[in-house]
Amino acid sequence: MQKLIVILLFFIPTLSFSQTDKNFVYENKIYLPNIKTVLCYNSTREQSLPVIQLNSSETITFSFDDLLAGTKNYWYSIEHCTSDWQPSRISTIDYLGGFNDDRIIYYRYSSNTTRKYTHYELNFPN
């Protein structure tokens, strides 16, 4: 039986100036009122749990909509957590093969909608 791994990641899209660390809580929370439709799933099966097989080519997709529309510089960071959503003491190089933060570069504008928005998307591992 192949091992499965649940990637415990936090994906919290924030502008670099919008939040300070003292306001951050480790829970399922959206920090900005203009951010809607936050999704996290296995890239091959939409509406699935964000689970991938170890050493496979599968990825996890994170996406959200920004109702303010336009293009913004959103960044993400990845932090390993324990089962009770507390930061673990594991070094970044022990669970990541690259950088633990980066800018989200994939986005598309809404079309044929009454409200304009921008859809942002990120695949991990990238």
Protein backbone atom coordinates (compact mmCIF):
# COMPACT_ATOMS: atom_id res chain seq x y z
CA MET A 1 0.00 0.00 0.00
CA GLN A 2 1.46 3.31 -1.01
CA LYS A 3 1.76 5.90 1.66
CA LEU A 4 -0.34 8.99 1.36
CA ILE A 5 0.61 12.31 2.78
CA VAL A 6 -1.65 15.06 3.84
CA ILE A 7 0.11 18.30 3.20
CA LEU A 8 -0.48 20.54 6.16
CA LEU A 9 0.06 23.88 4.64
CA PHE A 10 -1.26 27.25 5.31
CA PHE A 11 -2.11 29.33 2.35
CA ILE A 12 -3.03 32.79 3.42
CA PRO A 13 -2.95 35.31 0.64
CA THR A 14 -1.98 38.67 2.01
CA LEU A 15 -0.40 41.78 0.68
CA SER A 16 3.04 42.26 2.12
CA PHE A 17 1.88 45.31 4.05
CA SER A 18 -1.59 44.14 5.09
CA GLN A 19 -0.86 41.86 8.06
CA THR A 20 1.62 41.68 10.87
CA ASP A 21 2.72 38.46 12.56
CA LYS A 22 0.99 39.39 15.80
CA ASN A 23 -2.42 39.15 14.06
CA PHE A 24 -1.79 35.73 12.55
CA VAL A 25 -3.67 32.74 13.95
CA TYR A 26 -3.24 29.12 12.89
CA GLU A 27 -6.77 28.34 11.78
CA ASN A 28 -8.89 28.30 8.66
CA LYS A 29 -9.34 32.04 8.26
CA ILE A 30 -9.51 34.58 5.46
CA TYR A 31 -7.86 37.83 6.51
CA LEU A 32 -9.10 40.15 3.78
CA PRO A 33 -12.81 40.77 3.09
CA ASN A 34 -12.25 41.00 -0.68
CA ILE A 35 -10.87 37.43 -0.86
CA LYS A 36 -13.52 34.82 -1.69
CA THR A 37 -13.80 31.23 -2.92
CA VAL A 38 -10.62 29.92 -1.29
CA LEU A 39 -10.02 26.36 -2.50
CA CYS A 40 -7.37 23.72 -1.80
CA TYR A 41 -7.53 20.33 -3.55
CA ASN A 42 -5.61 17.61 -5.37
CA SER A 43 -4.99 19.04 -8.86
CA THR A 44 -6.21 15.91 -10.62
CA ARG A 45 -9.50 15.74 -8.70
CA GLU A 46 -11.30 19.00 -8.03
CA GLN A 47 -13.34 19.04 -4.80
CA SER A 48 -11.05 16.38 -3.31
CA LEU A 49 -8.99 16.56 -0.16
CA PRO A 50 -5.54 18.15 -0.55
CA VAL A 51 -3.78 14.78 -0.42
CA ILE A 52 -1.03 13.57 -2.74
CA GLN A 53 1.01 10.37 -2.93
CA LEU A 54 4.61 10.57 -1.80
CA ASN A 55 7.18 10.72 -4.59
CA SER A 56 4.50 11.18 -7.24
CA SER A 57 3.99 13.89 -9.83
CA GLU A 58 0.68 14.93 -8.24
CA THR A 59 0.23 18.50 -7.06
CA ILE A 60 -2.09 20.43 -4.78
CA THR A 61 -3.92 23.45 -6.16
CA PHE A 62 -4.60 26.53 -4.06
CA SER A 63 -6.88 29.18 -5.55
CA PHE A 64 -8.92 32.21 -4.56
CA ASP A 65 -10.79 35.14 -6.07
CA ASP A 66 -10.02 38.80 -5.36
CA LEU A 67 -13.20 40.86 -5.71
CA LEU A 68 -11.24 44.10 -6.00
CA ALA A 69 -10.16 42.92 -9.46
CA GLY A 70 -7.01 44.25 -11.09
CA THR A 71 -3.59 42.72 -10.58
CA LYS A 72 -1.98 42.62 -7.14
CA ASN A 73 1.23 41.16 -5.78
CA TYR A 74 0.09 38.30 -3.56
CA TRP A 75 2.68 36.16 -1.82
CA TYR A 76 2.40 32.79 -0.16
CA SER A 77 4.46 31.05 2.49
CA ILE A 78 4.56 27.42 3.59
CA GLU A 79 4.99 26.38 7.18
CA HIS A 80 5.04 22.85 8.54
CA CYS A 81 2.61 22.38 11.43
CA THR A 82 1.83 19.70 13.98
CA SER A 83 -1.47 17.82 14.05
CA ASP A 84 -2.96 20.52 16.29
CA TRP A 85 -1.95 23.31 13.88
CA GLN A 86 0.97 24.65 15.85
CA PRO A 87 4.27 25.49 14.13
CA SER A 88 6.59 22.49 14.25
CA ARG A 89 10.29 22.72 14.94
CA ILE A 90 11.21 20.95 11.73
CA SER A 91 13.70 22.86 9.62
CA THR A 92 12.44 24.13 6.25
CA ILE A 93 15.10 22.14 4.37
CA ASP A 94 13.73 18.92 5.93
CA TYR A 95 10.30 19.25 4.30
CA LEU A 96 10.81 21.52 1.26
CA GLY A 97 13.04 21.23 -1.76
CA GLY A 98 12.98 24.93 -2.59
CA PHE A 99 11.89 28.26 -1.23
CA ASN A 100 9.15 28.45 1.39
CA ASP A 101 7.66 31.68 0.03
CA ASP A 102 7.11 33.20 -3.38
CA ARG A 103 4.83 35.47 -5.37
CA ILE A 104 1.68 34.07 -7.00
CA ILE A 105 2.18 34.63 -10.71
CA TYR A 106 -0.78 32.74 -12.23
CA TYR A 107 -3.99 34.75 -12.44
CA ARG A 108 -6.85 35.42 -14.82
CA TYR A 109 -9.52 38.08 -15.02
CA SER A 110 -13.22 37.29 -14.83
CA SER A 111 -15.21 37.29 -18.04
CA ASN A 112 -18.94 37.33 -18.75
CA THR A 113 -19.74 38.16 -15.12
CA THR A 114 -21.65 41.04 -13.56
CA ARG A 115 -18.89 41.56 -11.00
CA LYS A 116 -15.25 41.89 -11.98
CA TYR A 117 -12.71 39.84 -10.03
CA THR A 118 -9.30 38.26 -10.47
CA HIS A 119 -8.77 34.53 -9.94
CA TYR A 120 -5.34 33.55 -8.53
CA GLU A 121 -3.97 30.01 -8.57
CA LEU A 122 -0.90 28.18 -7.27
CA ASN A 123 0.20 24.55 -7.61
CA PHE A 124 2.38 22.93 -4.97
CA PRO A 125 4.95 21.49 -5.18
CA ASN A 126 5.89 23.78 -8.01
